[in-house]
Amino acid sequence: MFADEPAGAMSATGLGNLAVKVADLDAAIAFYERAGAAVHDRMVWNGAERADVELGPLTITLFTRAVYEDVVDLPAECFLHPALFTDDLDRELAGQEVLWGPTEVRGPFGRRRIAFVEAPGGIRLEYMEQLDEPGAADR
């Protein structure tokens, strides 16, 4: 933390993706492919389907169900959250009310610790601490 940074200040190191819930993953993928996006890593993950959409420098991750949907009522389609990288998940969560997590997850993105907090505007923030890079378990 920098000397002039207030205690408890957010220290996100980057944007991982924007998460969006869709009712029809096939239709959403077709839309983004028509727009020129590259779609990859479609799979069943954590009890639902997901796919990553690359639009230039932006990644949108499409989900058919949010991992925290058991604790938050969500419509069939909505913006879910920005996913923010942090070097220290525990420090990031200090003083915040955690909605879901922290927990460790694995996927095409490698191994991460993640947690979600409520944010203004009816959204959540996901904080992600990268533990292993993609393919690290294969080495």
N, C-alpha and C. Protein backbone atom coordinates (compact mmCIF):
# COMPACT_ATOMS: atom_id res chain seq x y z
N MET A 1 0.85 -1.17 0.00
CA MET A 1 0.00 0.00 0.00
C MET A 1 0.90 1.24 0.00
N PHE A 2 0.51 2.27 -0.71
CA PHE A 2 1.28 3.50 -0.79
C PHE A 2 1.04 4.34 0.46
N ALA A 3 2.02 5.18 0.79
CA ALA A 3 1.93 5.99 2.01
C ALA A 3 0.71 6.90 2.01
N ASP A 4 0.31 7.44 0.85
CA ASP A 4 -0.83 8.35 0.80
C ASP A 4 -2.16 7.64 0.53
N GLU A 5 -2.13 6.31 0.50
CA GLU A 5 -3.34 5.53 0.26
C GLU A 5 -4.05 5.28 1.59
N PRO A 6 -5.34 5.61 1.69
CA PRO A 6 -6.03 5.40 2.96
C PRO A 6 -6.11 3.92 3.32
N ALA A 7 -6.12 3.62 4.62
CA ALA A 7 -6.26 2.24 5.08
C ALA A 7 -7.55 1.66 4.53
N GLY A 8 -7.48 0.42 4.09
CA GLY A 8 -8.67 -0.24 3.54
C GLY A 8 -8.97 0.13 2.10
N ALA A 9 -8.09 0.89 1.46
CA ALA A 9 -8.32 1.29 0.07
C ALA A 9 -8.23 0.07 -0.84
N MET A 10 -9.07 0.06 -1.87
CA MET A 10 -9.06 -1.03 -2.84
C MET A 10 -7.72 -1.06 -3.55
N SER A 11 -7.18 -2.25 -3.71
CA SER A 11 -5.86 -2.38 -4.35
C SER A 11 -5.92 -3.36 -5.51
N ALA A 12 -6.96 -3.27 -6.32
CA ALA A 12 -7.07 -4.14 -7.49
C ALA A 12 -5.90 -3.89 -8.42
N THR A 13 -5.36 -4.97 -8.98
CA THR A 13 -4.22 -4.86 -9.87
C THR A 13 -4.60 -4.97 -11.34
N GLY A 14 -5.86 -5.32 -11.63
CA GLY A 14 -6.29 -5.42 -13.03
C GLY A 14 -7.71 -5.94 -13.13
N LEU A 15 -8.26 -5.81 -14.32
CA LEU A 15 -9.59 -6.31 -14.61
C LEU A 15 -9.47 -7.66 -15.30
N GLY A 16 -10.09 -8.68 -14.73
CA GLY A 16 -10.06 -10.00 -15.35
C GLY A 16 -11.13 -10.13 -16.43
N ASN A 17 -12.36 -9.77 -16.08
CA ASN A 17 -13.47 -9.88 -17.02
C ASN A 17 -14.68 -9.16 -16.47
N LEU A 18 -15.68 -9.03 -17.33
CA LEU A 18 -17.01 -8.60 -16.92
C LEU A 18 -17.89 -9.84 -17.02
N ALA A 19 -18.62 -10.15 -15.96
CA ALA A 19 -19.45 -11.35 -15.94
C ALA A 19 -20.90 -10.98 -16.23
N VAL A 20 -21.52 -11.76 -17.12
CA VAL A 20 -22.89 -11.53 -17.54
C VAL A 20 -23.65 -12.85 -17.49
N LYS A 21 -24.84 -12.81 -16.92
CA LYS A 21 -25.70 -14.00 -16.89
C LYS A 21 -26.62 -13.96 -18.11
N VAL A 22 -26.68 -15.09 -18.82
CA VAL A 22 -27.54 -15.21 -20.00
C VAL A 22 -28.43 -16.43 -19.86
N ALA A 23 -29.63 -16.32 -20.39
CA ALA A 23 -30.57 -17.44 -20.34
C ALA A 23 -30.27 -18.46 -21.43
N ASP A 24 -29.77 -17.99 -22.57
CA ASP A 24 -29.50 -18.85 -23.73
C ASP A 24 -28.06 -18.64 -24.16
N LEU A 25 -27.18 -19.53 -23.72
CA LEU A 25 -25.76 -19.38 -24.02
C LEU A 25 -25.49 -19.48 -25.51
N ASP A 26 -26.17 -20.39 -26.21
CA ASP A 26 -25.97 -20.52 -27.66
C ASP A 26 -26.29 -19.21 -28.37
N ALA A 27 -27.42 -18.58 -28.03
CA ALA A 27 -27.81 -17.33 -28.68
C ALA A 27 -26.82 -16.21 -28.36
N ALA A 28 -26.35 -16.16 -27.11
CA ALA A 28 -25.39 -15.13 -26.72
C ALA A 28 -24.06 -15.31 -27.46
N ILE A 29 -23.60 -16.55 -27.56
CA ILE A 29 -22.36 -16.81 -28.30
C ILE A 29 -22.52 -16.43 -29.76
N ALA A 30 -23.63 -16.78 -30.37
CA ALA A 30 -23.87 -16.43 -31.78
C ALA A 30 -23.85 -14.91 -31.96
N PHE A 31 -24.45 -14.18 -31.05
CA PHE A 31 -24.45 -12.72 -31.12
C PHE A 31 -23.03 -12.18 -31.13
N TYR A 32 -22.22 -12.60 -30.17
CA TYR A 32 -20.86 -12.08 -30.07
C TYR A 32 -19.99 -12.53 -31.24
N GLU A 33 -20.19 -13.74 -31.74
CA GLU A 33 -19.43 -14.18 -32.92
C GLU A 33 -19.79 -13.34 -34.13
N ARG A 34 -21.07 -12.99 -34.31
CA ARG A 34 -21.47 -12.10 -35.42
C ARG A 34 -20.83 -10.73 -35.28
N ALA A 35 -20.56 -10.32 -34.04
CA ALA A 35 -19.93 -9.02 -33.78
C ALA A 35 -18.41 -9.09 -33.96
N GLY A 36 -17.88 -10.27 -34.29
CA GLY A 36 -16.45 -10.42 -34.53
C GLY A 36 -15.64 -10.86 -33.34
N ALA A 37 -16.29 -11.24 -32.27
CA ALA A 37 -15.58 -11.67 -31.06
C ALA A 37 -15.09 -13.10 -31.20
N ALA A 38 -14.03 -13.41 -30.49
CA ALA A 38 -13.55 -14.78 -30.38
C ALA A 38 -14.16 -15.38 -29.11
N VAL A 39 -14.73 -16.57 -29.22
CA VAL A 39 -15.34 -17.24 -28.09
C VAL A 39 -14.55 -18.50 -27.80
N HIS A 40 -14.20 -18.71 -26.54
CA HIS A 40 -13.42 -19.90 -26.17
C HIS A 40 -13.78 -20.34 -24.76
N ASP A 41 -13.26 -21.48 -24.38
CA ASP A 41 -13.42 -22.06 -23.05
C ASP A 41 -14.88 -22.25 -22.64
N ARG A 42 -15.71 -22.67 -23.60
CA ARG A 42 -17.09 -23.02 -23.24
C ARG A 42 -17.06 -24.36 -22.53
N MET A 43 -17.74 -24.43 -21.39
CA MET A 43 -17.72 -25.66 -20.61
C MET A 43 -18.77 -25.62 -19.52
N VAL A 44 -19.01 -26.79 -18.94
CA VAL A 44 -19.79 -26.86 -17.72
C VAL A 44 -18.80 -26.58 -16.60
N TRP A 45 -19.14 -25.60 -15.77
CA TRP A 45 -18.25 -25.19 -14.69
C TRP A 45 -19.08 -24.82 -13.47
N ASN A 46 -18.82 -25.45 -12.36
CA ASN A 46 -19.49 -25.14 -11.10
C ASN A 46 -21.00 -25.29 -11.21
N GLY A 47 -21.45 -26.31 -11.93
CA GLY A 47 -22.87 -26.61 -12.02
C GLY A 47 -23.64 -25.84 -13.07
N ALA A 48 -22.96 -25.07 -13.91
CA ALA A 48 -23.63 -24.30 -14.97
C ALA A 48 -22.69 -24.21 -16.16
N GLU A 49 -23.16 -23.59 -17.23
CA GLU A 49 -22.29 -23.40 -18.40
C GLU A 49 -21.66 -22.02 -18.36
N ARG A 50 -20.47 -21.92 -18.96
CA ARG A 50 -19.76 -20.65 -19.07
C ARG A 50 -19.00 -20.63 -20.39
N ALA A 51 -18.69 -19.43 -20.87
CA ALA A 51 -17.86 -19.25 -22.05
C ALA A 51 -17.22 -17.87 -21.97
N ASP A 52 -16.00 -17.75 -22.46
CA ASP A 52 -15.30 -16.47 -22.50
C ASP A 52 -15.42 -15.86 -23.88
N VAL A 53 -15.72 -14.57 -23.92
CA VAL A 53 -15.85 -13.80 -25.16
C VAL A 53 -14.75 -12.74 -25.15
N GLU A 54 -13.91 -12.75 -26.16
CA GLU A 54 -12.83 -11.76 -26.27
C GLU A 54 -13.23 -10.70 -27.28
N LEU A 55 -13.39 -9.47 -26.80
CA LEU A 55 -13.70 -8.32 -27.64
C LEU A 55 -12.55 -7.34 -27.52
N GLY A 56 -11.54 -7.50 -28.37
CA GLY A 56 -10.35 -6.66 -28.25
C GLY A 56 -9.71 -6.88 -26.89
N PRO A 57 -9.49 -5.80 -26.13
CA PRO A 57 -8.84 -5.94 -24.82
C PRO A 57 -9.79 -6.39 -23.71
N LEU A 58 -11.07 -6.54 -24.00
CA LEU A 58 -12.07 -6.85 -22.99
C LEU A 58 -12.51 -8.30 -23.06
N THR A 59 -12.58 -8.95 -21.89
CA THR A 59 -13.13 -10.30 -21.80
C THR A 59 -14.47 -10.21 -21.09
N ILE A 60 -15.50 -10.77 -21.73
CA ILE A 60 -16.80 -10.92 -21.11
C ILE A 60 -16.98 -12.41 -20.87
N THR A 61 -17.26 -12.79 -19.64
CA THR A 61 -17.52 -14.19 -19.34
C THR A 61 -19.02 -14.35 -19.19
N LEU A 62 -19.57 -15.23 -20.02
CA LEU A 62 -21.00 -15.52 -20.01
C LEU A 62 -21.25 -16.71 -19.11
N PHE A 63 -22.24 -16.59 -18.24
CA PHE A 63 -22.62 -17.67 -17.33
C PHE A 63 -24.11 -17.93 -17.48
N THR A 64 -24.53 -19.18 -17.33
CA THR A 64 -25.95 -19.47 -17.28
C THR A 64 -26.46 -19.43 -15.84
N ARG A 65 -25.54 -19.40 -14.89
CA ARG A 65 -25.89 -19.29 -13.47
C ARG A 65 -24.68 -18.75 -12.73
N ALA A 66 -24.90 -17.80 -11.83
CA ALA A 66 -23.82 -17.25 -11.02
C ALA A 66 -23.51 -18.19 -9.86
N VAL A 67 -22.24 -18.28 -9.47
CA VAL A 67 -21.86 -19.16 -8.37
C VAL A 67 -22.51 -18.73 -7.05
N TYR A 68 -22.86 -17.46 -6.93
CA TYR A 68 -23.46 -16.94 -5.70
C TYR A 68 -24.98 -16.83 -5.79
N GLU A 69 -25.57 -17.48 -6.76
CA GLU A 69 -27.01 -17.34 -6.97
C GLU A 69 -27.86 -17.92 -5.84
N ASP A 70 -27.28 -18.76 -5.01
CA ASP A 70 -28.02 -19.28 -3.86
C ASP A 70 -28.25 -18.22 -2.78
N VAL A 71 -27.45 -17.15 -2.81
CA VAL A 71 -27.58 -16.10 -1.79
C VAL A 71 -28.07 -14.77 -2.35
N VAL A 72 -28.20 -14.66 -3.69
CA VAL A 72 -28.67 -13.43 -4.33
C VAL A 72 -29.73 -13.80 -5.36
N ASP A 73 -30.87 -13.15 -5.30
CA ASP A 73 -31.90 -13.35 -6.32
C ASP A 73 -31.49 -12.59 -7.57
N LEU A 74 -31.43 -13.29 -8.70
CA LEU A 74 -31.02 -12.69 -9.96
C LEU A 74 -32.04 -12.99 -11.04
N PRO A 75 -32.25 -12.06 -11.98
CA PRO A 75 -33.11 -12.36 -13.12
C PRO A 75 -32.43 -13.35 -14.06
N ALA A 76 -33.16 -13.81 -15.06
CA ALA A 76 -32.61 -14.79 -16.01
C ALA A 76 -31.42 -14.22 -16.78
N GLU A 77 -31.41 -12.91 -17.01
CA GLU A 77 -30.30 -12.26 -17.71
C GLU A 77 -29.97 -10.95 -17.01
N CYS A 78 -28.68 -10.74 -16.78
CA CYS A 78 -28.26 -9.50 -16.11
C CYS A 78 -26.74 -9.38 -16.12
N PHE A 79 -26.28 -8.15 -15.86
CA PHE A 79 -24.87 -7.94 -15.57
C PHE A 79 -24.63 -8.45 -14.17
N LEU A 80 -23.58 -9.23 -13.98
CA LEU A 80 -23.29 -9.81 -12.68
C LEU A 80 -22.26 -9.00 -11.90
N HIS A 81 -21.05 -8.88 -12.46
CA HIS A 81 -19.97 -8.25 -11.71
C HIS A 81 -18.74 -8.06 -12.57
N PRO A 82 -17.90 -7.07 -12.22
CA PRO A 82 -16.54 -7.03 -12.75
C PRO A 82 -15.69 -7.95 -11.88
N ALA A 83 -14.76 -8.65 -12.49
CA ALA A 83 -13.84 -9.52 -11.77
C ALA A 83 -12.48 -8.81 -11.71
N LEU A 84 -12.05 -8.51 -10.51
CA LEU A 84 -10.85 -7.72 -10.30
C LEU A 84 -9.73 -8.56 -9.69
N PHE A 85 -8.55 -8.48 -10.27
CA PHE A 85 -7.39 -9.18 -9.72
C PHE A 85 -6.85 -8.41 -8.52
N THR A 86 -6.35 -9.14 -7.54
CA THR A 86 -5.68 -8.57 -6.39
C THR A 86 -4.53 -9.49 -6.01
N ASP A 87 -3.49 -8.92 -5.43
CA ASP A 87 -2.36 -9.73 -4.97
C ASP A 87 -2.60 -10.32 -3.59
N ASP A 88 -3.61 -9.81 -2.86
CA ASP A 88 -3.85 -10.26 -1.49
C ASP A 88 -5.35 -10.23 -1.22
N LEU A 89 -6.01 -11.35 -1.44
CA LEU A 89 -7.46 -11.42 -1.28
C LEU A 89 -7.89 -11.10 0.14
N ASP A 90 -7.18 -11.62 1.11
CA ASP A 90 -7.56 -11.37 2.51
C ASP A 90 -7.52 -9.88 2.84
N ARG A 91 -6.49 -9.18 2.40
CA ARG A 91 -6.39 -7.73 2.63
C ARG A 91 -7.55 -7.01 1.93
N GLU A 92 -7.89 -7.45 0.72
CA GLU A 92 -8.96 -6.81 -0.04
C GLU A 92 -10.30 -6.95 0.65
N LEU A 93 -10.51 -8.08 1.32
CA LEU A 93 -11.80 -8.35 1.96
C LEU A 93 -11.91 -7.76 3.36
N ALA A 94 -10.79 -7.34 3.94
CA ALA A 94 -10.80 -6.80 5.29
C ALA A 94 -11.77 -5.62 5.39
N GLY A 95 -12.67 -5.71 6.34
CA GLY A 95 -13.62 -4.62 6.56
C GLY A 95 -14.83 -4.63 5.63
N GLN A 96 -14.90 -5.60 4.72
CA GLN A 96 -16.04 -5.69 3.81
C GLN A 96 -16.92 -6.87 4.21
N GLU A 97 -18.21 -6.74 3.93
CA GLU A 97 -19.11 -7.86 4.16
C GLU A 97 -19.07 -8.77 2.95
N VAL A 98 -18.59 -9.99 3.16
CA VAL A 98 -18.42 -10.94 2.07
C VAL A 98 -19.76 -11.62 1.78
N LEU A 99 -20.16 -11.57 0.53
CA LEU A 99 -21.41 -12.19 0.08
C LEU A 99 -21.23 -13.68 -0.15
N TRP A 100 -20.09 -14.06 -0.76
CA TRP A 100 -19.84 -15.45 -1.13
C TRP A 100 -18.34 -15.65 -1.18
N GLY A 101 -17.87 -16.77 -0.60
CA GLY A 101 -16.45 -17.08 -0.59
C GLY A 101 -15.84 -16.65 0.73
N PRO A 102 -14.53 -16.59 0.81
CA PRO A 102 -13.59 -16.97 -0.24
C PRO A 102 -13.51 -18.48 -0.43
N THR A 103 -13.21 -18.85 -1.66
CA THR A 103 -13.05 -20.25 -2.00
C THR A 103 -12.03 -20.35 -3.12
N GLU A 104 -11.50 -21.54 -3.28
CA GLU A 104 -10.54 -21.79 -4.35
C GLU A 104 -11.27 -22.43 -5.52
N VAL A 105 -10.99 -21.93 -6.73
CA VAL A 105 -11.59 -22.47 -7.94
C VAL A 105 -10.50 -22.78 -8.96
N ARG A 106 -10.84 -23.71 -9.86
CA ARG A 106 -9.92 -24.09 -10.94
C ARG A 106 -10.70 -24.09 -12.25
N GLY A 107 -10.00 -23.81 -13.33
CA GLY A 107 -10.62 -23.81 -14.65
C GLY A 107 -9.58 -23.49 -15.70
N PRO A 108 -10.01 -23.09 -16.90
CA PRO A 108 -9.06 -22.76 -17.95
C PRO A 108 -8.20 -21.55 -17.60
N PHE A 109 -8.58 -20.85 -16.55
CA PHE A 109 -7.89 -19.65 -16.07
C PHE A 109 -6.81 -19.99 -15.04
N GLY A 110 -6.66 -21.27 -14.71
CA GLY A 110 -5.69 -21.67 -13.69
C GLY A 110 -6.38 -21.90 -12.36
N ARG A 111 -5.66 -21.61 -11.28
CA ARG A 111 -6.20 -21.80 -9.92
C ARG A 111 -6.23 -20.44 -9.24
N ARG A 112 -7.40 -20.12 -8.65
CA ARG A 112 -7.59 -18.82 -8.02
C ARG A 112 -8.34 -18.97 -6.70
N ARG A 113 -8.14 -18.00 -5.81
CA ARG A 113 -9.02 -17.79 -4.66
C ARG A 113 -9.91 -16.62 -5.04
N ILE A 114 -11.22 -16.80 -4.84
CA ILE A 114 -12.16 -15.75 -5.21
C ILE A 114 -13.14 -15.48 -4.07
N ALA A 115 -13.69 -14.28 -4.08
CA ALA A 115 -14.76 -13.90 -3.15
C ALA A 115 -15.53 -12.76 -3.78
N PHE A 116 -16.78 -12.62 -3.33
CA PHE A 116 -17.67 -11.59 -3.85
C PHE A 116 -18.19 -10.72 -2.73
N VAL A 117 -18.30 -9.42 -3.00
CA VAL A 117 -18.90 -8.47 -2.07
C VAL A 117 -19.96 -7.68 -2.83
N GLU A 118 -20.95 -7.18 -2.09
CA GLU A 118 -21.97 -6.31 -2.69
C GLU A 118 -21.34 -4.96 -3.01
N ALA A 119 -21.82 -4.32 -4.08
CA ALA A 119 -21.34 -3.01 -4.47
C ALA A 119 -22.54 -2.14 -4.85
N PRO A 120 -22.38 -0.82 -4.82
CA PRO A 120 -23.48 0.06 -5.21
C PRO A 120 -23.95 -0.24 -6.64
N GLY A 121 -25.19 0.09 -6.92
CA GLY A 121 -25.73 -0.11 -8.25
C GLY A 121 -26.34 -1.48 -8.46
N GLY A 122 -26.50 -2.24 -7.38
CA GLY A 122 -27.10 -3.56 -7.48
C GLY A 122 -26.20 -4.61 -8.10
N ILE A 123 -24.89 -4.38 -8.03
CA ILE A 123 -23.94 -5.36 -8.57
C ILE A 123 -23.07 -5.89 -7.44
N ARG A 124 -22.21 -6.79 -7.79
CA ARG A 124 -21.22 -7.31 -6.89
C ARG A 124 -19.83 -7.03 -7.48
N LEU A 125 -18.81 -7.10 -6.65
CA LEU A 125 -17.42 -7.09 -7.11
C LEU A 125 -16.85 -8.47 -6.80
N GLU A 126 -16.16 -9.04 -7.77
CA GLU A 126 -15.42 -10.27 -7.53
C GLU A 126 -13.96 -9.91 -7.39
N TYR A 127 -13.35 -10.39 -6.33
CA TYR A 127 -11.91 -10.25 -6.15
C TYR A 127 -11.27 -11.60 -6.40
N MET A 128 -10.20 -11.60 -7.17
CA MET A 128 -9.53 -12.85 -7.56
C MET A 128 -8.04 -12.75 -7.25
N GLU A 129 -7.53 -13.73 -6.54
CA GLU A 129 -6.10 -13.85 -6.30
C GLU A 129 -5.61 -15.06 -7.08
N GLN A 130 -4.74 -14.82 -8.06
CA GLN A 130 -4.24 -15.90 -8.91
C GLN A 130 -3.23 -16.72 -8.13
N LEU A 131 -3.48 -18.03 -7.99
CA LEU A 131 -2.57 -18.92 -7.27
C LEU A 131 -1.66 -19.68 -8.21
N ASP A 132 -2.21 -20.18 -9.32
CA ASP A 132 -1.44 -20.86 -10.36
C ASP A 132 -1.94 -20.38 -11.71
N GLU A 133 -1.03 -20.23 -12.64
CA GLU A 133 -1.39 -19.80 -13.98
C GLU A 133 -2.03 -20.97 -14.74
N PRO A 134 -2.73 -20.68 -15.83
CA PRO A 134 -3.30 -21.76 -16.64
C PRO A 134 -2.23 -22.77 -17.06
N GLY A 135 -2.56 -24.05 -16.93
CA GLY A 135 -1.64 -25.11 -17.33
C GLY A 135 -0.57 -25.46 -16.30
N ALA A 136 -0.51 -24.74 -15.17
CA ALA A 136 0.53 -25.00 -14.18
C ALA A 136 0.44 -26.41 -13.62
N ALA A 137 -0.76 -26.92 -13.47
CA ALA A 137 -0.92 -28.29 -12.94
C ALA A 137 -0.47 -29.34 -13.94
N ASP A 138 -0.39 -28.97 -15.21
CA ASP A 138 0.03 -29.91 -16.26
C ASP A 138 1.54 -30.02 -16.38
N ARG A 139 2.27 -29.11 -15.74
CA ARG A 139 3.72 -29.09 -15.90
C ARG A 139 4.40 -30.07 -15.01
